[in-house]
All heavy atoms as atom14 arrays in JSON, in Angstrom:
{
  "sequence": "NPGKNAIFMQYDEGTIDKLLNHFIKQLPDCKGIN",
  "atom14_mask": [
    [1, 1, 1, 1, 1, 1, 1, 1, 0, 0, 0, 0, 0, 0],
    [1, 1, 1, 1, 1, 1, 1, 0, 0, 0, 0, 0, 0, 0],
    [1, 1, 1, 1, 0, 0, 0, 0, 0, 0, 0, 0, 0, 0],
    [1, 1, 1, 1, 1, 1, 1, 1, 1, 0, 0, 0, 0, 0],
    [1, 1, 1, 1, 1, 1, 1, 1, 0, 0, 0, 0, 0, 0],
    [1, 1, 1, 1, 1, 0, 0, 0, 0, 0, 0, 0, 0, 0],
    [1, 1, 1, 1, 1, 1, 1, 1, 0, 0, 0, 0, 0, 0],
    [1, 1, 1, 1, 1, 1, 1, 1, 1, 1, 1, 0, 0, 0],
    [1, 1, 1, 1, 1, 1, 1, 1, 0, 0, 0, 0, 0, 0],
    [1, 1, 1, 1, 1, 1, 1, 1, 1, 0, 0, 0, 0, 0],
    [1, 1, 1, 1, 1, 1, 1, 1, 1, 1, 1, 1, 0, 0],
    [1, 1, 1, 1, 1, 1, 1, 1, 0, 0, 0, 0, 0, 0],
    [1, 1, 1, 1, 1, 1, 1, 1, 1, 0, 0, 0, 0, 0],
    [1, 1, 1, 1, 0, 0, 0, 0, 0, 0, 0, 0, 0, 0],
    [1, 1, 1, 1, 1, 1, 1, 0, 0, 0, 0, 0, 0, 0],
    [1, 1, 1, 1, 1, 1, 1, 1, 0, 0, 0, 0, 0, 0],
    [1, 1, 1, 1, 1, 1, 1, 1, 0, 0, 0, 0, 0, 0],
    [1, 1, 1, 1, 1, 1, 1, 1, 1, 0, 0, 0, 0, 0],
    [1, 1, 1, 1, 1, 1, 1, 1, 0, 0, 0, 0, 0, 0],
    [1, 1, 1, 1, 1, 1, 1, 1, 0, 0, 0, 0, 0, 0],
    [1, 1, 1, 1, 1, 1, 1, 1, 0, 0, 0, 0, 0, 0],
    [1, 1, 1, 1, 1, 1, 1, 1, 1, 1, 0, 0, 0, 0],
    [1, 1, 1, 1, 1, 1, 1, 1, 1, 1, 1, 0, 0, 0],
    [1, 1, 1, 1, 1, 1, 1, 1, 0, 0, 0, 0, 0, 0],
    [1, 1, 1, 1, 1, 1, 1, 1, 1, 0, 0, 0, 0, 0],
    [1, 1, 1, 1, 1, 1, 1, 1, 1, 0, 0, 0, 0, 0],
    [1, 1, 1, 1, 1, 1, 1, 1, 0, 0, 0, 0, 0, 0],
    [1, 1, 1, 1, 1, 1, 1, 0, 0, 0, 0, 0, 0, 0],
    [1, 1, 1, 1, 1, 1, 1, 1, 0, 0, 0, 0, 0, 0],
    [1, 1, 1, 1, 1, 1, 0, 0, 0, 0, 0, 0, 0, 0],
    [1, 1, 1, 1, 1, 1, 1, 1, 1, 0, 0, 0, 0, 0],
    [1, 1, 1, 1, 0, 0, 0, 0, 0, 0, 0, 0, 0, 0],
    [1, 1, 1, 1, 1, 1, 1, 1, 0, 0, 0, 0, 0, 0],
    [1, 1, 1, 1, 1, 1, 1, 1, 0, 0, 0, 0, 0, 0]
  ],
  "atom14_positions": [
    [[15.05, 23.29, 4.84], [14.77, 22.02, 4.15], [14.71, 20.87, 5.15], [15.68, 20.6, 5.86], [15.87, 21.76, 3.11], [15.57, 20.54, 2.25], [14.51, 19.94, 2.37], [16.5, 20.19, 1.39], [0.0, 0.0, 0.0], [0.0, 0.0, 0.0], [0.0, 0.0, 0.0], [0.0, 0.0, 0.0], [0.0, 0.0, 0.0], [0.0, 0.0, 0.0]],
    [[13.57, 20.15, 5.22], [13.45, 19.03, 6.18], [14.19, 17.77, 5.73], [14.3, 16.82, 6.51], [11.95, 18.78, 6.23], [11.45, 19.21, 4.89], [12.31, 20.37, 4.48], [0.0, 0.0, 0.0], [0.0, 0.0, 0.0], [0.0, 0.0, 0.0], [0.0, 0.0, 0.0], [0.0, 0.0, 0.0], [0.0, 0.0, 0.0], [0.0, 0.0, 0.0]],
    [[14.67, 17.74, 4.48], [15.36, 16.55, 3.99], [14.52, 15.77, 2.99], [13.39, 16.14, 2.68], [0.0, 0.0, 0.0], [0.0, 0.0, 0.0], [0.0, 0.0, 0.0], [0.0, 0.0, 0.0], [0.0, 0.0, 0.0], [0.0, 0.0, 0.0], [0.0, 0.0, 0.0], [0.0, 0.0, 0.0], [0.0, 0.0, 0.0], [0.0, 0.0, 0.0]],
    [[15.08, 14.68, 2.5], [14.4, 13.9, 1.46], [13.22, 13.1, 2.03], [13.23, 12.71, 3.2], [15.38, 12.96, 0.76], [16.15, 12.04, 1.68], [17.21, 11.28, 0.9], [18.09, 10.45, 1.82], [19.18, 9.77, 1.1], [0.0, 0.0, 0.0], [0.0, 0.0, 0.0], [0.0, 0.0, 0.0], [0.0, 0.0, 0.0], [0.0, 0.0, 0.0]],
    [[12.25, 12.9, 1.15], [11.06, 12.11, 1.48], [10.31, 12.65, 2.7], [9.83, 11.89, 3.55], [11.41, 10.64, 1.7], [11.86, 9.96, 0.42], [11.46, 10.35, -0.67], [12.71, 8.95, 0.55], [0.0, 0.0, 0.0], [0.0, 0.0, 0.0], [0.0, 0.0, 0.0], [0.0, 0.0, 0.0], [0.0, 0.0, 0.0], [0.0, 0.0, 0.0]],
    [[10.2, 13.96, 2.78], [9.47, 14.57, 3.89], [7.96, 14.57, 3.59], [7.54, 14.45, 2.44], [9.95, 16.0, 4.11], [0.0, 0.0, 0.0], [0.0, 0.0, 0.0], [0.0, 0.0, 0.0], [0.0, 0.0, 0.0], [0.0, 0.0, 0.0], [0.0, 0.0, 0.0], [0.0, 0.0, 0.0], [0.0, 0.0, 0.0], [0.0, 0.0, 0.0]],
    [[7.18, 14.7, 4.64], [5.71, 14.82, 4.5], [5.38, 16.3, 4.41], [5.68, 17.09, 5.32], [5.0, 14.18, 5.7], [5.22, 12.66, 5.69], [3.51, 14.5, 5.69], [4.62, 11.93, 6.88], [0.0, 0.0, 0.0], [0.0, 0.0, 0.0], [0.0, 0.0, 0.0], [0.0, 0.0, 0.0], [0.0, 0.0, 0.0], [0.0, 0.0, 0.0]],
    [[4.74, 16.69, 3.3], [4.41, 18.09, 3.05], [2.9, 18.33, 3.18], [2.09, 17.4, 3.1], [4.9, 18.52, 1.67], [6.4, 18.62, 1.57], [7.14, 17.61, 0.99], [7.07, 19.73, 2.08], [8.52, 17.69, 0.9], [8.45, 19.83, 2.0], [9.18, 18.8, 1.42], [0.0, 0.0, 0.0], [0.0, 0.0, 0.0], [0.0, 0.0, 0.0]],
    [[2.55, 19.59, 3.36], [1.16, 19.98, 3.6], [0.23, 19.59, 2.46], [-0.94, 19.29, 2.69], [1.08, 21.49, 3.83], [1.77, 21.97, 5.09], [0.91, 21.44, 6.58], [-0.59, 22.39, 6.46], [0.0, 0.0, 0.0], [0.0, 0.0, 0.0], [0.0, 0.0, 0.0], [0.0, 0.0, 0.0], [0.0, 0.0, 0.0], [0.0, 0.0, 0.0]],
    [[0.71, 19.59, 1.24], [-0.18, 19.32, 0.1], [-0.44, 17.83, -0.11], [-1.24, 17.46, -0.95], [0.39, 19.92, -1.19], [1.65, 19.26, -1.74], [2.92, 19.91, -1.22], [2.9, 20.52, -0.15], [4.01, 19.78, -1.96], [0.0, 0.0, 0.0], [0.0, 0.0, 0.0], [0.0, 0.0, 0.0], [0.0, 0.0, 0.0], [0.0, 0.0, 0.0]],
    [[0.2, 16.97, 0.68], [0.03, 15.53, 0.48], [-1.34, 15.07, 0.97], [-1.8, 15.49, 2.05], [1.11, 14.74, 1.24], [2.48, 14.78, 0.61], [3.56, 14.15, 1.22], [2.71, 15.44, -0.59], [4.83, 14.17, 0.66], [3.98, 15.48, -1.17], [5.03, 14.85, -0.54], [6.28, 14.88, -1.1], [0.0, 0.0, 0.0], [0.0, 0.0, 0.0]],
    [[-1.97, 14.19, 0.18], [-3.24, 13.61, 0.6], [-3.0, 12.36, 1.45], [-1.86, 11.92, 1.64], [-4.14, 13.29, -0.6], [-3.49, 12.31, -1.58], [-2.54, 11.58, -1.19], [-3.92, 12.26, -2.74], [0.0, 0.0, 0.0], [0.0, 0.0, 0.0], [0.0, 0.0, 0.0], [0.0, 0.0, 0.0], [0.0, 0.0, 0.0], [0.0, 0.0, 0.0]],
    [[-4.05, 11.78, 1.95], [-3.93, 10.62, 2.86], [-3.24, 9.44, 2.19], [-2.43, 8.75, 2.81], [-5.32, 10.21, 3.36], [-5.26, 9.12, 4.43], [-6.62, 8.81, 5.04], [-7.57, 9.58, 4.77], [-6.74, 7.82, 5.77], [0.0, 0.0, 0.0], [0.0, 0.0, 0.0], [0.0, 0.0, 0.0], [0.0, 0.0, 0.0], [0.0, 0.0, 0.0]],
    [[-3.56, 9.21, 0.92], [-2.95, 8.09, 0.19], [-1.44, 8.23, 0.05], [-0.69, 7.27, 0.21], [0.0, 0.0, 0.0], [0.0, 0.0, 0.0], [0.0, 0.0, 0.0], [0.0, 0.0, 0.0], [0.0, 0.0, 0.0], [0.0, 0.0, 0.0], [0.0, 0.0, 0.0], [0.0, 0.0, 0.0], [0.0, 0.0, 0.0], [0.0, 0.0, 0.0]],
    [[-0.99, 9.45, -0.24], [0.45, 9.71, -0.4], [1.17, 9.54, 0.93], [2.26, 8.95, 1.0], [0.68, 11.13, -0.94], [-0.05, 11.3, -2.16], [2.15, 11.4, -1.19], [0.0, 0.0, 0.0], [0.0, 0.0, 0.0], [0.0, 0.0, 0.0], [0.0, 0.0, 0.0], [0.0, 0.0, 0.0], [0.0, 0.0, 0.0], [0.0, 0.0, 0.0]],
    [[0.58, 10.05, 2.0], [1.18, 9.92, 3.34], [1.26, 8.46, 3.75], [2.28, 7.99, 4.27], [0.38, 10.74, 4.36], [0.51, 12.24, 4.06], [0.84, 10.44, 5.79], [-0.44, 13.12, 4.84], [0.0, 0.0, 0.0], [0.0, 0.0, 0.0], [0.0, 0.0, 0.0], [0.0, 0.0, 0.0], [0.0, 0.0, 0.0], [0.0, 0.0, 0.0]],
    [[0.19, 7.72, 3.5], [0.16, 6.29, 3.84], [1.26, 5.53, 3.08], [1.96, 4.69, 3.66], [-1.22, 5.72, 3.52], [-1.33, 4.25, 3.88], [-1.31, 3.92, 5.07], [-1.44, 3.42, 2.95], [0.0, 0.0, 0.0], [0.0, 0.0, 0.0], [0.0, 0.0, 0.0], [0.0, 0.0, 0.0], [0.0, 0.0, 0.0], [0.0, 0.0, 0.0]],
    [[1.4, 5.83, 1.8], [2.4, 5.15, 0.98], [3.82, 5.45, 1.48], [4.68, 4.55, 1.57], [2.25, 5.58, -0.47], [3.16, 4.86, -1.46], [2.89, 5.31, -2.88], [3.82, 4.59, -3.86], [3.56, 5.05, -5.26], [0.0, 0.0, 0.0], [0.0, 0.0, 0.0], [0.0, 0.0, 0.0], [0.0, 0.0, 0.0], [0.0, 0.0, 0.0]],
    [[4.07, 6.7, 1.83], [5.4, 7.12, 2.29], [5.74, 6.47, 3.65], [6.84, 5.92, 3.83], [5.43, 8.64, 2.41], [6.8, 9.33, 2.55], [7.7, 8.96, 1.39], [6.63, 10.83, 2.65], [0.0, 0.0, 0.0], [0.0, 0.0, 0.0], [0.0, 0.0, 0.0], [0.0, 0.0, 0.0], [0.0, 0.0, 0.0], [0.0, 0.0, 0.0]],
    [[4.79, 6.5, 4.58], [5.04, 5.91, 5.9], [5.2, 4.39, 5.81], [6.04, 3.81, 6.51], [3.9, 6.25, 6.86], [3.85, 7.71, 7.35], [2.6, 7.95, 8.19], [5.09, 8.06, 8.16], [0.0, 0.0, 0.0], [0.0, 0.0, 0.0], [0.0, 0.0, 0.0], [0.0, 0.0, 0.0], [0.0, 0.0, 0.0], [0.0, 0.0, 0.0]],
    [[4.43, 3.76, 4.95], [4.58, 2.31, 4.77], [5.96, 1.95, 4.22], [6.53, 0.92, 4.57], [3.48, 1.78, 3.83], [2.18, 1.51, 4.56], [2.15, 0.84, 5.59], [1.09, 2.04, 4.04], [0.0, 0.0, 0.0], [0.0, 0.0, 0.0], [0.0, 0.0, 0.0], [0.0, 0.0, 0.0], [0.0, 0.0, 0.0], [0.0, 0.0, 0.0]],
    [[6.48, 2.82, 3.36], [7.84, 2.62, 2.83], [8.86, 2.69, 3.97], [9.76, 1.84, 4.06], [8.13, 3.69, 1.77], [9.58, 3.83, 1.43], [10.29, 2.85, 0.75], [10.48, 4.83, 1.7], [11.54, 3.24, 0.6], [11.68, 4.45, 1.17], [0.0, 0.0, 0.0], [0.0, 0.0, 0.0], [0.0, 0.0, 0.0], [0.0, 0.0, 0.0]],
    [[8.7, 3.68, 4.86], [9.62, 3.81, 6.0], [9.53, 2.6, 6.94], [10.55, 2.07, 7.4], [9.31, 5.08, 6.8], [9.49, 6.37, 6.04], [8.84, 7.53, 6.45], [10.31, 6.43, 4.92], [9.0, 8.73, 5.76], [10.47, 7.63, 4.22], [9.82, 8.78, 4.65], [0.0, 0.0, 0.0], [0.0, 0.0, 0.0], [0.0, 0.0, 0.0]],
    [[8.31, 2.19, 7.22], [8.08, 1.07, 8.17], [8.63, -0.24, 7.61], [9.22, -1.04, 8.34], [6.57, 0.95, 8.49], [6.1, 2.19, 9.26], [6.28, -0.32, 9.3], [4.6, 2.34, 9.35], [0.0, 0.0, 0.0], [0.0, 0.0, 0.0], [0.0, 0.0, 0.0], [0.0, 0.0, 0.0], [0.0, 0.0, 0.0], [0.0, 0.0, 0.0]],
    [[8.46, -0.42, 6.31], [9.0, -1.64, 5.68], [10.52, -1.66, 5.73], [11.15, -2.71, 5.91], [8.51, -1.72, 4.23], [8.88, -3.02, 3.53], [8.3, -3.06, 2.13], [8.68, -4.36, 1.42], [8.14, -4.41, 0.04], [0.0, 0.0, 0.0], [0.0, 0.0, 0.0], [0.0, 0.0, 0.0], [0.0, 0.0, 0.0], [0.0, 0.0, 0.0]],
    [[11.12, -0.49, 5.59], [12.58, -0.38, 5.61], [13.15, -0.56, 7.02], [14.22, -1.14, 7.19], [12.98, 0.99, 5.06], [14.48, 1.23, 4.98], [14.79, 2.68, 4.6], [15.74, 3.28, 5.08], [13.99, 3.24, 3.71], [0.0, 0.0, 0.0], [0.0, 0.0, 0.0], [0.0, 0.0, 0.0], [0.0, 0.0, 0.0], [0.0, 0.0, 0.0]],
    [[12.43, -0.08, 8.03], [12.9, -0.13, 9.42], [11.85, -0.85, 10.29], [11.18, -0.23, 11.14], [13.15, 1.29, 9.94], [14.19, 2.11, 9.17], [14.16, 3.57, 9.62], [15.59, 1.53, 9.34], [0.0, 0.0, 0.0], [0.0, 0.0, 0.0], [0.0, 0.0, 0.0], [0.0, 0.0, 0.0], [0.0, 0.0, 0.0], [0.0, 0.0, 0.0]],
    [[11.69, -2.14, 10.11], [10.59, -2.88, 10.75], [10.71, -3.05, 12.26], [9.71, -3.34, 12.92], [10.64, -4.25, 10.05], [12.06, -4.4, 9.61], [12.5, -3.03, 9.24], [0.0, 0.0, 0.0], [0.0, 0.0, 0.0], [0.0, 0.0, 0.0], [0.0, 0.0, 0.0], [0.0, 0.0, 0.0], [0.0, 0.0, 0.0], [0.0, 0.0, 0.0]],
    [[11.94, -2.87, 12.82], [12.11, -3.05, 14.26], [11.69, -1.83, 15.07], [11.57, -1.9, 16.3], [13.57, -3.39, 14.6], [13.99, -4.74, 14.03], [13.09, -5.56, 13.72], [15.21, -4.98, 13.89], [0.0, 0.0, 0.0], [0.0, 0.0, 0.0], [0.0, 0.0, 0.0], [0.0, 0.0, 0.0], [0.0, 0.0, 0.0], [0.0, 0.0, 0.0]],
    [[11.46, -0.73, 14.39], [11.1, 0.51, 15.09], [9.68, 0.42, 15.64], [8.76, -0.02, 14.94], [11.24, 1.71, 14.16], [12.96, 2.02, 13.65], [0.0, 0.0, 0.0], [0.0, 0.0, 0.0], [0.0, 0.0, 0.0], [0.0, 0.0, 0.0], [0.0, 0.0, 0.0], [0.0, 0.0, 0.0], [0.0, 0.0, 0.0], [0.0, 0.0, 0.0]],
    [[9.49, 0.87, 16.86], [8.19, 0.74, 17.54], [7.26, 1.92, 17.32], [6.07, 1.85, 17.64], [8.41, 0.54, 19.04], [9.05, -0.79, 19.41], [9.09, -0.96, 20.91], [9.63, -2.34, 21.29], [9.61, -2.55, 22.75], [0.0, 0.0, 0.0], [0.0, 0.0, 0.0], [0.0, 0.0, 0.0], [0.0, 0.0, 0.0], [0.0, 0.0, 0.0]],
    [[7.8, 3.03, 16.84], [6.98, 4.2, 16.64], [7.71, 5.22, 15.79], [8.72, 4.9, 15.14], [0.0, 0.0, 0.0], [0.0, 0.0, 0.0], [0.0, 0.0, 0.0], [0.0, 0.0, 0.0], [0.0, 0.0, 0.0], [0.0, 0.0, 0.0], [0.0, 0.0, 0.0], [0.0, 0.0, 0.0], [0.0, 0.0, 0.0], [0.0, 0.0, 0.0]],
    [[7.19, 6.45, 15.76], [7.84, 7.51, 14.99], [7.85, 8.8, 15.83], [7.07, 8.95, 16.77], [7.15, 7.78, 13.64], [5.83, 8.55, 13.84], [6.91, 6.5, 12.86], [5.25, 9.14, 12.56], [0.0, 0.0, 0.0], [0.0, 0.0, 0.0], [0.0, 0.0, 0.0], [0.0, 0.0, 0.0], [0.0, 0.0, 0.0], [0.0, 0.0, 0.0]],
    [[8.73, 9.73, 15.44], [8.62, 11.1, 15.91], [8.92, 12.01, 14.73], [9.44, 11.58, 13.69], [9.54, 11.38, 17.11], [11.0, 11.48, 16.74], [11.46, 10.82, 15.8], [11.78, 12.26, 17.5], [0.0, 0.0, 0.0], [0.0, 0.0, 0.0], [0.0, 0.0, 0.0], [0.0, 0.0, 0.0], [0.0, 0.0, 0.0], [0.0, 0.0, 0.0]]
  ]
}
């Protein structure tokens, strides 16, 4: 289990964009992702 709010293979571009935007809004000082 990768944990909550993970990006899964069946997700389309809109779902991925929405999820990442949620993360970025929550942690705005972060410069990138891994």
